[in-house]
């Protein structure tokens, strides 16, 4: 995702995109991610994570902060990685319809298959579920900033006319993704990427354009 986007940088809580985090911080986050995926968040301690990273616990506190800070940092990095994946997948696409469908399907499939997310819900649902529902404000802010960035890029590429409330539209899209990830089984059959893309083309493009017509597609990147 474009590092020059100030709202997105602010939402991520960092000035650097994925891959440009301080190596010392990256080392701790790698250890924490592996630890959380192995035994869950609640049973993991700062000492466990320090041992994995081959540093002392004081260094963990100095580089990241408390265990709660560490959890938030790991989740934010996972969100950043997803944003980068969506950005790479949608950037070459020549129509707004394709971009919305691909972004929607990519986000949902990635989250449904994410090892950390599934481990959290399986082992720590009582403590971690609020972080992605009632207490998900910081993660929602990241998602909304990322969606707003994608809408702005579509405008910059002449695929979308200016819309009155890009933040509002972005939040609707992100909350839809949140709902379909947390409650995957409903009346709609939205299990595969193809099914998700079909749904997005049928319903989400209209939300973004508010029933208007998007401009003609630009030539595909070569």
C-alpha atoms as a PDB file:
ATOM      1  CA  UNK A   1       0.000   0.000   0.000  1.00  0.00           C
ATOM      2  CA  UNK A   2       1.294   3.439  -0.875  1.00  0.00           C
ATOM      3  CA  UNK A   3       3.469   4.652   2.037  1.00  0.00           C
ATOM      4  CA  UNK A   4       2.747   8.273   1.149  1.00  0.00           C
ATOM      5  CA  UNK A   5      -0.925   7.949   2.172  1.00  0.00           C
ATOM      6  CA  UNK A   6      -1.029   9.862   5.512  1.00  0.00           C
ATOM      7  CA  UNK A   7      -4.442   8.601   6.768  1.00  0.00           C
ATOM      8  CA  UNK A   8      -3.404   5.014   6.150  1.00  0.00           C
ATOM      9  CA  UNK A   9      -0.042   5.518   7.853  1.00  0.00           C
ATOM     10  CA  UNK A  10      -1.837   7.018  10.839  1.00  0.00           C
ATOM     11  CA  UNK A  11      -4.338   4.141  11.037  1.00  0.00           C
ATOM     12  CA  UNK A  12      -1.537   1.584  10.874  1.00  0.00           C
ATOM     13  CA  UNK A  13       0.262   3.377  13.666  1.00  0.00           C
ATOM     14  CA  UNK A  14       3.518   3.355  11.752  1.00  0.00           C
ATOM     15  CA  UNK A  15       5.266   5.408   9.113  1.00  0.00           C
ATOM     16  CA  UNK A  16       6.703   2.398   7.305  1.00  0.00           C
ATOM     17  CA  UNK A  17       4.926  -0.173   5.169  1.00  0.00           C
ATOM     18  CA  UNK A  18       5.379  -3.920   5.709  1.00  0.00           C
ATOM     19  CA  UNK A  19       8.978  -4.971   5.152  1.00  0.00           C
ATOM     20  CA  UNK A  20      10.386  -1.643   6.363  1.00  0.00           C
ATOM     21  CA  UNK A  21       9.723  -2.084  10.084  1.00  0.00           C
ATOM     22  CA  UNK A  22      12.747  -1.751  12.402  1.00  0.00           C
ATOM     23  CA  UNK A  23      14.549  -5.134  12.290  1.00  0.00           C
ATOM     24  CA  UNK A  24      14.522  -5.412  16.075  1.00  0.00           C
ATOM     25  CA  UNK A  25      10.771  -4.874  16.170  1.00  0.00           C
ATOM     26  CA  UNK A  26      10.277  -7.282  13.262  1.00  0.00           C
ATOM     27  CA  UNK A  27      12.184  -9.948  15.166  1.00  0.00           C
ATOM     28  CA  UNK A  28       9.863  -9.639  18.165  1.00  0.00           C
ATOM     29  CA  UNK A  29       6.731  -9.610  16.004  1.00  0.00           C
ATOM     30  CA  UNK A  30       7.894 -12.745  14.149  1.00  0.00           C
ATOM     31  CA  UNK A  31       8.422 -14.527  17.466  1.00  0.00           C
ATOM     32  CA  UNK A  32       5.068 -13.356  18.820  1.00  0.00           C
ATOM     33  CA  UNK A  33       3.222 -14.460  15.680  1.00  0.00           C
ATOM     34  CA  UNK A  34       4.775 -17.939  15.828  1.00  0.00           C
ATOM     35  CA  UNK A  35       4.008 -18.209  19.545  1.00  0.00           C
ATOM     36  CA  UNK A  36       0.390 -17.104  19.140  1.00  0.00           C
ATOM     37  CA  UNK A  37      -0.143 -19.524  16.255  1.00  0.00           C
ATOM     38  CA  UNK A  38       1.322 -22.406  18.284  1.00  0.00           C
ATOM     39  CA  UNK A  39      -0.494 -22.107  21.616  1.00  0.00           C
ATOM     40  CA  UNK A  40      -2.789 -19.118  21.347  1.00  0.00           C
ATOM     41  CA  UNK A  41      -2.623 -15.615  22.744  1.00  0.00           C
ATOM     42  CA  UNK A  42      -3.870 -16.115  26.298  1.00  0.00           C
ATOM     43  CA  UNK A  43      -1.360 -18.839  27.184  1.00  0.00           C
ATOM     44  CA  UNK A  44       1.572 -16.965  25.651  1.00  0.00           C
ATOM     45  CA  UNK A  45       3.762 -14.804  27.874  1.00  0.00           C
ATOM     46  CA  UNK A  46       6.334 -12.123  27.200  1.00  0.00           C
ATOM     47  CA  UNK A  47       8.930 -14.598  28.481  1.00  0.00           C
ATOM     48  CA  UNK A  48       7.838 -17.170  25.885  1.00  0.00           C
ATOM     49  CA  UNK A  49       8.127 -14.628  23.111  1.00  0.00           C
ATOM     50  CA  UNK A  50      11.491 -13.352  24.331  1.00  0.00           C
ATOM     51  CA  UNK A  51      12.786 -16.933  24.408  1.00  0.00           C
ATOM     52  CA  UNK A  52      11.673 -17.496  20.813  1.00  0.00           C
ATOM     53  CA  UNK A  53      13.318 -14.272  19.712  1.00  0.00           C
ATOM     54  CA  UNK A  54      16.461 -15.151  21.714  1.00  0.00           C
ATOM     55  CA  UNK A  55      16.395 -11.908  23.604  1.00  0.00           C
ATOM     56  CA  UNK A  56      15.494 -10.988  27.179  1.00  0.00           C
ATOM     57  CA  UNK A  57      12.022  -9.903  28.252  1.00  0.00           C
ATOM     58  CA  UNK A  58      13.201  -6.366  29.009  1.00  0.00           C
ATOM     59  CA  UNK A  59      14.172  -5.971  25.366  1.00  0.00           C
ATOM     60  CA  UNK A  60      10.659  -7.011  24.325  1.00  0.00           C
ATOM     61  CA  UNK A  61       9.168  -4.348  26.601  1.00  0.00           C
ATOM     62  CA  UNK A  62      11.612  -1.759  25.288  1.00  0.00           C
ATOM     63  CA  UNK A  63      10.969  -2.501  21.621  1.00  0.00           C
ATOM     64  CA  UNK A  64       7.189  -3.039  21.734  1.00  0.00           C
ATOM     65  CA  UNK A  65       5.704  -2.471  25.187  1.00  0.00           C
ATOM     66  CA  UNK A  66       3.236  -4.596  27.144  1.00  0.00           C
ATOM     67  CA  UNK A  67       1.677  -7.854  26.009  1.00  0.00           C
ATOM     68  CA  UNK A  68      -1.409  -5.926  24.946  1.00  0.00           C
ATOM     69  CA  UNK A  69       0.777  -3.588  22.879  1.00  0.00           C
ATOM     70  CA  UNK A  70       2.419  -6.648  21.346  1.00  0.00           C
ATOM     71  CA  UNK A  71      -0.933  -8.200  20.402  1.00  0.00           C
ATOM     72  CA  UNK A  72      -2.025  -4.954  18.761  1.00  0.00           C
ATOM     73  CA  UNK A  73       1.287  -4.679  16.893  1.00  0.00           C
ATOM     74  CA  UNK A  74       1.002  -8.235  15.558  1.00  0.00           C
ATOM     75  CA  UNK A  75      -2.587  -7.657  14.432  1.00  0.00           C
ATOM     76  CA  UNK A  76      -1.641  -4.357  12.780  1.00  0.00           C
ATOM     77  CA  UNK A  77       1.189  -6.030  10.889  1.00  0.00           C
ATOM     78  CA  UNK A  78      -1.149  -8.786   9.697  1.00  0.00           C
ATOM     79  CA  UNK A  79      -3.550  -6.078   8.526  1.00  0.00           C
ATOM     80  CA  UNK A  80      -0.700  -4.296   6.744  1.00  0.00           C
ATOM     81  CA  UNK A  81       0.256  -7.504   4.957  1.00  0.00           C
ATOM     82  CA  UNK A  82      -3.323  -8.021   3.809  1.00  0.00           C
ATOM     83  CA  UNK A  83      -3.492  -4.439   2.562  1.00  0.00           C
ATOM     84  CA  UNK A  84      -0.299  -4.937   0.562  1.00  0.00           C
ATOM     85  CA  UNK A  85      -1.719  -8.144  -0.930  1.00  0.00           C
ATOM     86  CA  UNK A  86      -4.939  -6.415  -1.983  1.00  0.00           C
ATOM     87  CA  UNK A  87      -3.023  -3.468  -3.372  1.00  0.00           C
ATOM     88  CA  UNK A  88      -0.838  -5.725  -5.529  1.00  0.00           C
ATOM     89  CA  UNK A  89      -3.833  -7.734  -6.747  1.00  0.00           C
ATOM     90  CA  UNK A  90      -5.957  -4.743  -7.716  1.00  0.00           C
ATOM     91  CA  UNK A  91      -3.406  -2.275  -9.097  1.00  0.00           C
ATOM     92  CA  UNK A  92      -3.181  -3.827 -12.614  1.00  0.00           C
ATOM     93  CA  UNK A  93      -6.954  -4.201 -13.063  1.00  0.00           C
ATOM     94  CA  UNK A  94      -8.544  -1.986 -15.691  1.00  0.00           C
ATOM     95  CA  UNK A  95     -12.098  -1.547 -14.359  1.00  0.00           C
ATOM     96  CA  UNK A  96     -13.676  -0.462 -11.094  1.00  0.00           C
ATOM     97  CA  UNK A  97     -15.852  -3.581 -11.123  1.00  0.00           C
ATOM     98  CA  UNK A  98     -12.800  -5.855 -11.269  1.00  0.00           C
ATOM     99  CA  UNK A  99     -11.007  -3.957  -8.526  1.00  0.00           C
ATOM    100  CA  UNK A 100     -13.931  -4.059  -6.113  1.00  0.00           C
ATOM    101  CA  UNK A 101     -14.606  -7.744  -6.762  1.00  0.00           C
ATOM    102  CA  UNK A 102     -10.949  -8.707  -6.386  1.00  0.00           C
ATOM    103  CA  UNK A 103     -10.405  -6.624  -3.238  1.00  0.00           C
ATOM    104  CA  UNK A 104     -13.541  -8.021  -1.584  1.00  0.00           C
ATOM    105  CA  UNK A 105     -12.767 -11.661  -2.393  1.00  0.00           C
ATOM    106  CA  UNK A 106      -9.075 -11.352  -1.556  1.00  0.00           C
ATOM    107  CA  UNK A 107      -9.783  -9.830   1.857  1.00  0.00           C
ATOM    108  CA  UNK A 108     -12.367 -12.413   2.875  1.00  0.00           C
ATOM    109  CA  UNK A 109     -10.483 -15.478   1.625  1.00  0.00           C
ATOM    110  CA  UNK A 110      -7.250 -14.270   3.220  1.00  0.00           C
ATOM    111  CA  UNK A 111      -8.862 -13.672   6.605  1.00  0.00           C
ATOM    112  CA  UNK A 112     -10.767 -16.948   6.564  1.00  0.00           C
ATOM    113  CA  UNK A 113      -7.522 -18.814   5.848  1.00  0.00           C
ATOM    114  CA  UNK A 114      -5.264 -16.757   8.134  1.00  0.00           C
ATOM    115  CA  UNK A 115      -3.577 -19.024  10.695  1.00  0.00           C
ATOM    116  CA  UNK A 116      -3.413 -16.388  13.433  1.00  0.00           C
ATOM    117  CA  UNK A 117      -7.030 -15.330  13.024  1.00  0.00           C
ATOM    118  CA  UNK A 118      -8.287 -18.916  13.129  1.00  0.00           C
ATOM    119  CA  UNK A 119      -6.077 -19.776  16.097  1.00  0.00           C
ATOM    120  CA  UNK A 120      -7.356 -16.757  17.996  1.00  0.00           C
ATOM    121  CA  UNK A 121     -10.976 -17.719  17.465  1.00  0.00           C
ATOM    122  CA  UNK A 122     -10.368 -21.400  18.251  1.00  0.00           C
ATOM    123  CA  UNK A 123      -8.292 -21.017  21.420  1.00  0.00           C
ATOM    124  CA  UNK A 124      -8.996 -17.532  22.745  1.00  0.00           C
ATOM    125  CA  UNK A 125     -12.471 -16.655  21.541  1.00  0.00           C
ATOM    126  CA  UNK A 126     -13.564 -15.299  24.926  1.00  0.00           C
ATOM    127  CA  UNK A 127     -10.725 -12.773  25.059  1.00  0.00           C
ATOM    128  CA  UNK A 128      -9.891 -12.262  21.385  1.00  0.00           C
ATOM    129  CA  UNK A 129     -13.343 -12.145  19.777  1.00  0.00           C
ATOM    130  CA  UNK A 130     -13.994  -8.656  21.209  1.00  0.00           C
ATOM    131  CA  UNK A 131     -10.827  -7.439  19.445  1.00  0.00           C
ATOM    132  CA  UNK A 132     -12.444  -8.146  16.092  1.00  0.00           C
ATOM    133  CA  UNK A 133     -16.003  -7.160  17.076  1.00  0.00           C
ATOM    134  CA  UNK A 134     -16.995  -4.829  19.905  1.00  0.00           C
ATOM    135  CA  UNK A 135     -13.435  -3.579  20.475  1.00  0.00           C
ATOM    136  CA  UNK A 136     -12.293  -3.618  16.853  1.00  0.00           C
ATOM    137  CA  UNK A 137     -12.075   0.152  16.465  1.00  0.00           C
ATOM    138  CA  UNK A 138      -8.365   0.274  15.646  1.00  0.00           C
ATOM    139  CA  UNK A 139      -8.566  -2.593  13.140  1.00  0.00           C
ATOM    140  CA  UNK A 140     -11.652  -1.071  11.532  1.00  0.00           C
ATOM    141  CA  UNK A 141      -9.773   2.219  11.226  1.00  0.00           C
ATOM    142  CA  UNK A 142      -7.013   0.433   9.318  1.00  0.00           C
ATOM    143  CA  UNK A 143      -9.517  -1.251   7.020  1.00  0.00           C
ATOM    144  CA  UNK A 144     -11.469   1.950   6.403  1.00  0.00           C
ATOM    145  CA  UNK A 145      -8.296   3.906   5.624  1.00  0.00           C
ATOM    146  CA  UNK A 146      -7.183   1.166   3.223  1.00  0.00           C
ATOM    147  CA  UNK A 147     -10.570   1.017   1.470  1.00  0.00           C
ATOM    148  CA  UNK A 148     -10.661   4.810   1.179  1.00  0.00           C
ATOM    149  CA  UNK A 149      -7.185   4.682  -0.354  1.00  0.00           C
ATOM    150  CA  UNK A 150      -8.366   2.154  -2.953  1.00  0.00           C
ATOM    151  CA  UNK A 151     -11.321   4.378  -3.815  1.00  0.00           C
ATOM    152  CA  UNK A 152      -9.028   7.376  -4.183  1.00  0.00           C
ATOM    153  CA  UNK A 153      -6.683   5.410  -6.413  1.00  0.00           C
ATOM    154  CA  UNK A 154      -9.632   4.414  -8.600  1.00  0.00           C
ATOM    155  CA  UNK A 155     -10.480   8.119  -8.930  1.00  0.00           C
ATOM    156  CA  UNK A 156      -6.867   8.935  -9.764  1.00  0.00           C
ATOM    157  CA  UNK A 157      -6.973   6.260 -12.484  1.00  0.00           C
ATOM    158  CA  UNK A 158     -10.217   7.740 -13.905  1.00  0.00           C
ATOM    159  CA  UNK A 159     -12.227   4.642 -13.016  1.00  0.00           C
ATOM    160  CA  UNK A 160     -14.491   6.359 -10.487  1.00  0.00           C
ATOM    161  CA  UNK A 161     -16.161   9.744 -10.310  1.00  0.00           C
ATOM    162  CA  UNK A 162     -15.672  11.671  -7.030  1.00  0.00           C
ATOM    163  CA  UNK A 163     -18.079  10.494  -4.336  1.00  0.00           C
ATOM    164  CA  UNK A 164     -19.548  12.620  -1.578  1.00  0.00           C
ATOM    165  CA  UNK A 165     -18.595  10.484   1.422  1.00  0.00           C
ATOM    166  CA  UNK A 166     -15.646   8.193   0.668  1.00  0.00           C
ATOM    167  CA  UNK A 167     -15.098   7.430   4.354  1.00  0.00           C
ATOM    168  CA  UNK A 168     -18.708   6.350   4.745  1.00  0.00           C
ATOM    169  CA  UNK A 169     -18.586   4.153   1.649  1.00  0.00           C
ATOM    170  CA  UNK A 170     -15.275   2.667   2.826  1.00  0.00           C
ATOM    171  CA  UNK A 171     -16.752   1.842   6.221  1.00  0.00           C
ATOM    172  CA  UNK A 172     -19.764   0.101   4.668  1.00  0.00           C
ATOM    173  CA  UNK A 173     -17.438  -2.088   2.591  1.00  0.00           C
ATOM    174  CA  UNK A 174     -15.186  -2.938   5.531  1.00  0.00           C
ATOM    175  CA  UNK A 175     -18.105  -3.773   7.806  1.00  0.00           C
ATOM    176  CA  UNK A 176     -19.494  -6.083   5.143  1.00  0.00           C
ATOM    177  CA  UNK A 177     -16.149  -7.865   4.982  1.00  0.00           C
ATOM    178  CA  UNK A 178     -16.064  -8.121   8.784  1.00  0.00           C
ATOM    179  CA  UNK A 179     -19.551  -9.650   8.833  1.00  0.00           C
ATOM    180  CA  UNK A 180     -18.897 -12.209   6.090  1.00  0.00           C
ATOM    181  CA  UNK A 181     -15.633 -13.278   7.747  1.00  0.00           C
ATOM    182  CA  UNK A 182     -17.080 -13.685  11.248  1.00  0.00           C
ATOM    183  CA  UNK A 183     -20.371 -15.237  10.091  1.00  0.00           C
ATOM    184  CA  UNK A 184     -19.527 -17.142   6.912  1.00  0.00           C
ATOM    185  CA  UNK A 185     -22.645 -19.309   6.728  1.00  0.00           C
ATOM    186  CA  UNK A 186     -25.858 -17.605   5.709  1.00  0.00           C
ATOM    187  CA  UNK A 187     -28.507 -17.751   3.038  1.00  0.00           C
ATOM    188  CA  UNK A 188     -25.948 -16.665   0.436  1.00  0.00           C
ATOM    189  CA  UNK A 189     -23.374 -19.174  -0.793  1.00  0.00           C
ATOM    190  CA  UNK A 190     -20.199 -17.128  -0.514  1.00  0.00           C
ATOM    191  CA  UNK A 191     -17.486 -19.687   0.093  1.00  0.00           C
ATOM    192  CA  UNK A 192     -15.248 -19.465  -2.973  1.00  0.00           C
ATOM    193  CA  UNK A 193     -13.426 -16.536  -4.528  1.00  0.00           C
ATOM    194  CA  UNK A 194     -15.647 -16.810  -7.603  1.00  0.00           C
ATOM    195  CA  UNK A 195     -18.812 -16.634  -5.510  1.00  0.00           C
ATOM    196  CA  UNK A 196     -17.495 -13.651  -3.552  1.00  0.00           C
ATOM    197  CA  UNK A 197     -16.499 -11.829  -6.740  1.00  0.00           C
ATOM    198  CA  UNK A 198     -19.911 -12.434  -8.308  1.00  0.00           C
ATOM    199  CA  UNK A 199     -21.612 -11.030  -5.195  1.00  0.00           C
ATOM    200  CA  UNK A 200     -19.344  -7.980  -5.207  1.00  0.00           C
ATOM    201  CA  UNK A 201     -20.045  -7.239  -8.868  1.00  0.00           C
ATOM    202  CA  UNK A 202     -23.785  -7.579  -8.315  1.00  0.00           C
ATOM    203  CA  UNK A 203     -24.024  -5.419  -5.203  1.00  0.00           C
ATOM    204  CA  UNK A 204     -20.891  -3.575  -4.106  1.00  0.00           C
ATOM    205  CA  UNK A 205     -20.059  -1.614  -7.244  1.00  0.00           C
ATOM    206  CA  UNK A 206     -23.483   0.013  -6.988  1.00  0.00           C
ATOM    207  CA  UNK A 207     -22.754   0.995  -3.375  1.00  0.00           C
ATOM    208  CA  UNK A 208     -19.510   2.650  -4.420  1.00  0.00           C
ATOM    209  CA  UNK A 209     -20.907   4.473  -7.447  1.00  0.00           C
ATOM    210  CA  UNK A 210     -24.267   5.165  -5.758  1.00  0.00           C
ATOM    211  CA  UNK A 211     -26.076   3.856  -8.793  1.00  0.00           C
ATOM    212  CA  UNK A 212     -24.131   5.996 -11.245  1.00  0.00           C
ATOM    213  CA  UNK A 213     -21.958   4.930 -14.105  1.00  0.00           C
ATOM    214  CA  UNK A 214     -18.230   4.600 -13.605  1.00  0.00           C
ATOM    215  CA  UNK A 215     -16.020   6.060 -16.360  1.00  0.00           C
ATOM    216  CA  UNK A 216     -14.750   3.793 -19.165  1.00  0.00           C
ATOM    217  CA  UNK A 217     -11.958   1.401 -18.254  1.00  0.00           C
ATOM    218  CA  UNK A 218      -8.416   2.512 -18.767  1.00  0.00           C
ATOM    219  CA  UNK A 219      -6.032   0.409 -20.893  1.00  0.00           C
ATOM    220  CA  UNK A 220      -4.656  -2.579 -19.013  1.00  0.00           C
ATOM    221  CA  UNK A 221      -1.095  -2.242 -17.769  1.00  0.00           C
ATOM    222  CA  UNK A 222       1.485  -3.871 -19.983  1.00  0.00           C
END
